[in-house]
Protein backbone atom coordinates (compact mmCIF):
# COMPACT_ATOMS: atom_id res chain seq x y z
CA MET A 1 -0.08 0.09 -0.11
CA VAL A 2 1.52 3.21 -0.80
CA GLU A 3 -1.29 5.87 -0.29
CA ALA A 4 -4.51 5.43 1.40
CA ALA A 5 -7.17 7.63 2.97
CA GLU A 6 -8.78 6.71 6.25
CA LYS A 7 -11.62 5.39 4.59
CA SER A 8 -10.09 4.05 1.25
CA GLY A 9 -11.44 0.76 -0.21
CA SER A 10 -7.68 -0.32 -0.74
CA LEU A 11 -7.72 -0.72 3.24
CA ILE A 12 -10.58 -3.02 3.26
CA THR A 13 -8.51 -4.94 0.77
CA ALA A 14 -5.31 -4.79 3.07
CA ARG A 15 -7.02 -5.90 5.91
CA MET A 16 -8.63 -8.83 4.47
CA ALA A 17 -5.25 -9.72 3.18
CA ALA A 18 -3.95 -9.60 6.72
CA ASP A 19 -6.94 -11.58 7.89
CA PHE A 20 -6.00 -14.37 5.52
CA GLY A 21 -2.63 -14.41 6.84
CA ARG A 22 -0.93 -12.62 3.86
CA ILE A 23 1.80 -10.12 4.31
CA VAL A 24 0.76 -6.50 3.91
CA PHE A 25 3.39 -4.00 2.73
CA ALA A 26 2.96 -0.12 3.59
CA VAL A 27 5.12 2.91 2.33
CA PRO A 28 5.19 5.40 5.15
CA GLY A 29 3.80 8.83 4.25
CA SER A 30 3.60 12.22 5.90
CA PRO A 31 1.49 12.25 9.07
CA LEU A 32 0.18 15.90 7.84
CA ASP A 33 -1.01 14.28 4.50
CA PRO A 34 -4.58 12.96 4.74
CA ARG A 35 -3.88 10.68 1.91
CA CYS A 36 -1.32 8.68 4.17
CA HIS A 37 -3.46 8.37 7.19
CA GLY A 38 -4.81 4.91 6.19
CA THR A 39 -1.21 3.69 5.23
CA ASN A 40 0.28 5.03 8.48
CA ALA A 41 -2.64 3.34 10.32
CA LEU A 42 -1.80 -0.08 8.74
CA LEU A 43 1.96 0.16 9.90
CA LYS A 44 0.57 0.78 13.52
CA GLN A 45 -1.42 -2.63 12.73
CA GLY A 46 1.88 -4.61 11.69
CA ALA A 47 2.13 -3.88 7.98
CA VAL A 48 5.65 -4.32 6.97
CA VAL A 49 7.43 -0.94 6.62
CA THR A 50 8.59 -0.53 2.95
CA THR A 51 10.95 2.02 1.88
CA GLY A 52 12.42 0.09 -0.91
CA PRO A 53 12.47 -3.25 -2.94
CA GLU A 54 14.94 -4.83 -0.59
CA ASP A 55 12.34 -4.76 2.23
CA VAL A 56 9.86 -6.68 -0.12
CA LEU A 57 12.75 -9.11 -0.84
CA GLU A 58 13.47 -9.69 2.63
CA ALA A 59 10.13 -10.26 3.76
CA LEU A 60 9.51 -12.84 1.05
CA ALA A 61 12.82 -14.67 1.32
CA PRO A 62 11.51 -17.39 3.29
CA LEU A 63 9.03 -18.36 0.67
CA SER A 64 11.52 -18.65 -2.05
CA GLN A 65 13.22 -21.52 0.07
CA LEU A 66 10.09 -23.60 -0.17
CA ASP A 67 9.58 -26.25 -2.89
CA LEU A 68 6.09 -25.61 -3.72
CA PHE A 69 6.11 -28.70 -5.93
CA GLU A 70 7.31 -31.10 -3.41
CA PRO A 71 4.67 -32.58 -1.20
CA PRO A 72 5.05 -31.85 2.49
CA VAL A 73 6.22 -34.85 4.85
CA VAL A 74 4.06 -35.26 7.57
CA GLU A 75 5.11 -37.97 10.02
CA GLU A 76 2.82 -39.03 12.75
CA PRO A 77 4.74 -40.09 15.97
CA GLY A 78 5.21 -43.78 16.50
CA LYS A 79 3.64 -44.64 13.17
CA ASP A 80 5.21 -45.55 9.85
CA ALA A 81 3.22 -44.46 7.00
CA GLY A 82 3.56 -47.75 5.42
CA THR A 83 1.93 -49.77 8.23
CA MET A 84 -1.15 -47.34 9.12
CA LEU A 85 -4.19 -49.51 9.27
CA PRO A 86 -7.46 -48.51 8.52
CA PRO A 87 -9.91 -47.43 11.25
CA ASP A 88 -11.39 -50.03 13.22
CA ASP A 89 -14.82 -50.26 14.91
CA ASP A 90 -13.86 -48.52 17.99
CA ASP A 91 -12.51 -45.80 15.86
CA ARG A 92 -15.71 -45.55 13.91
CA HIS A 93 -17.73 -45.55 17.03
CA ALA A 94 -15.72 -42.49 18.42
CA ILE A 95 -15.90 -40.63 15.29
CA ILE A 96 -19.80 -41.09 15.11
CA SER A 97 -20.19 -40.28 19.05
CA ALA A 98 -18.31 -36.92 18.13
CA LEU A 99 -21.01 -36.14 15.60
CA GLY A 100 -24.59 -34.64 16.18
CA PRO A 101 -27.23 -32.94 14.38
CA THR A 102 -25.43 -29.73 14.94
CA PRO A 103 -22.86 -28.88 12.21
CA THR A 104 -19.39 -29.55 13.68
CA GLU A 105 -16.02 -28.61 12.24
CA ILE A 106 -13.72 -31.49 11.05
CA ASP A 107 -10.66 -30.38 12.89
CA ASP A 108 -13.05 -30.37 16.04
CA ILE A 109 -13.56 -33.87 15.53
CA ILE A 110 -9.80 -34.71 14.78
CA ARG A 111 -8.82 -33.05 18.17
CA HIS A 112 -11.72 -34.50 20.11
CA THR A 113 -11.10 -38.15 19.13
CA GLY A 114 -7.46 -37.98 18.98
CA LEU A 115 -7.38 -40.10 15.93
CA PRO A 116 -5.27 -39.56 12.78
CA ALA A 117 -6.95 -37.03 10.35
CA SER A 118 -6.58 -39.90 7.64
CA SER A 119 -8.66 -42.25 9.83
CA VAL A 120 -11.40 -39.40 10.38
CA TYR A 121 -11.68 -38.52 6.96
CA LEU A 122 -11.95 -42.19 5.81
CA VAL A 123 -14.84 -42.72 8.08
CA LEU A 124 -16.62 -39.52 7.20
CA LEU A 125 -16.27 -40.58 3.57
CA GLU A 126 -17.67 -44.08 4.57
CA LEU A 127 -20.68 -42.09 6.29
CA ASP A 128 -21.06 -39.81 3.27
CA LEU A 129 -21.28 -42.76 0.90
CA ALA A 130 -23.86 -44.45 3.14
CA GLY A 131 -26.07 -41.33 2.95
CA ARG A 132 -25.59 -40.57 6.75
CA LEU A 133 -23.49 -37.43 6.61
CA TYR A 134 -24.54 -33.99 5.89
CA ARG A 135 -21.83 -31.58 4.82
CA HIS A 136 -22.11 -27.95 5.50
CA PRO A 137 -20.25 -24.82 4.24
CA GLY A 138 -16.92 -24.08 5.82
CA GLY A 139 -15.70 -27.61 6.50
CA PHE A 140 -18.70 -28.41 8.90
CA VAL A 141 -20.39 -31.79 9.12
CA SER A 142 -23.38 -33.28 10.93
CA ILE A 143 -24.92 -36.73 11.39
CA ALA A 144 -28.22 -37.68 9.71
CA LEU A 145 -30.16 -39.19 12.55
CA ASP A 146 -32.70 -40.82 10.40
CA GLY A 147 -30.14 -43.13 8.69
């Protein structure tokens, strides 16, 4: 952000970007210039102070070290990825017990049951294929009580 008044539409965009975890850059401006009040407010809220291209390159440097085409390696403690077993009946019961008629976030089910995410997703898929699962916007699910 180079210049933005206090009620600028570009400030809304910058705030939304920050809410989504994106890096927001702002060029400081004169505190006497009303066209810079919004930009200076962004700096107070944590935007990266930008006075030259090196500031942008420095902030983005960690991203250049990532290999975006290599799948991330995720290891579960104590389990070898090649020996992971499918969920058993106890796991299925725990997942079904965590579900109800009220939409629940899938991440909450994983935390509540303590089961691997792969097992939870597999059981949810089984329930979905059986017509016993309702999917809601935002990654929420609920169980069909009539099924």
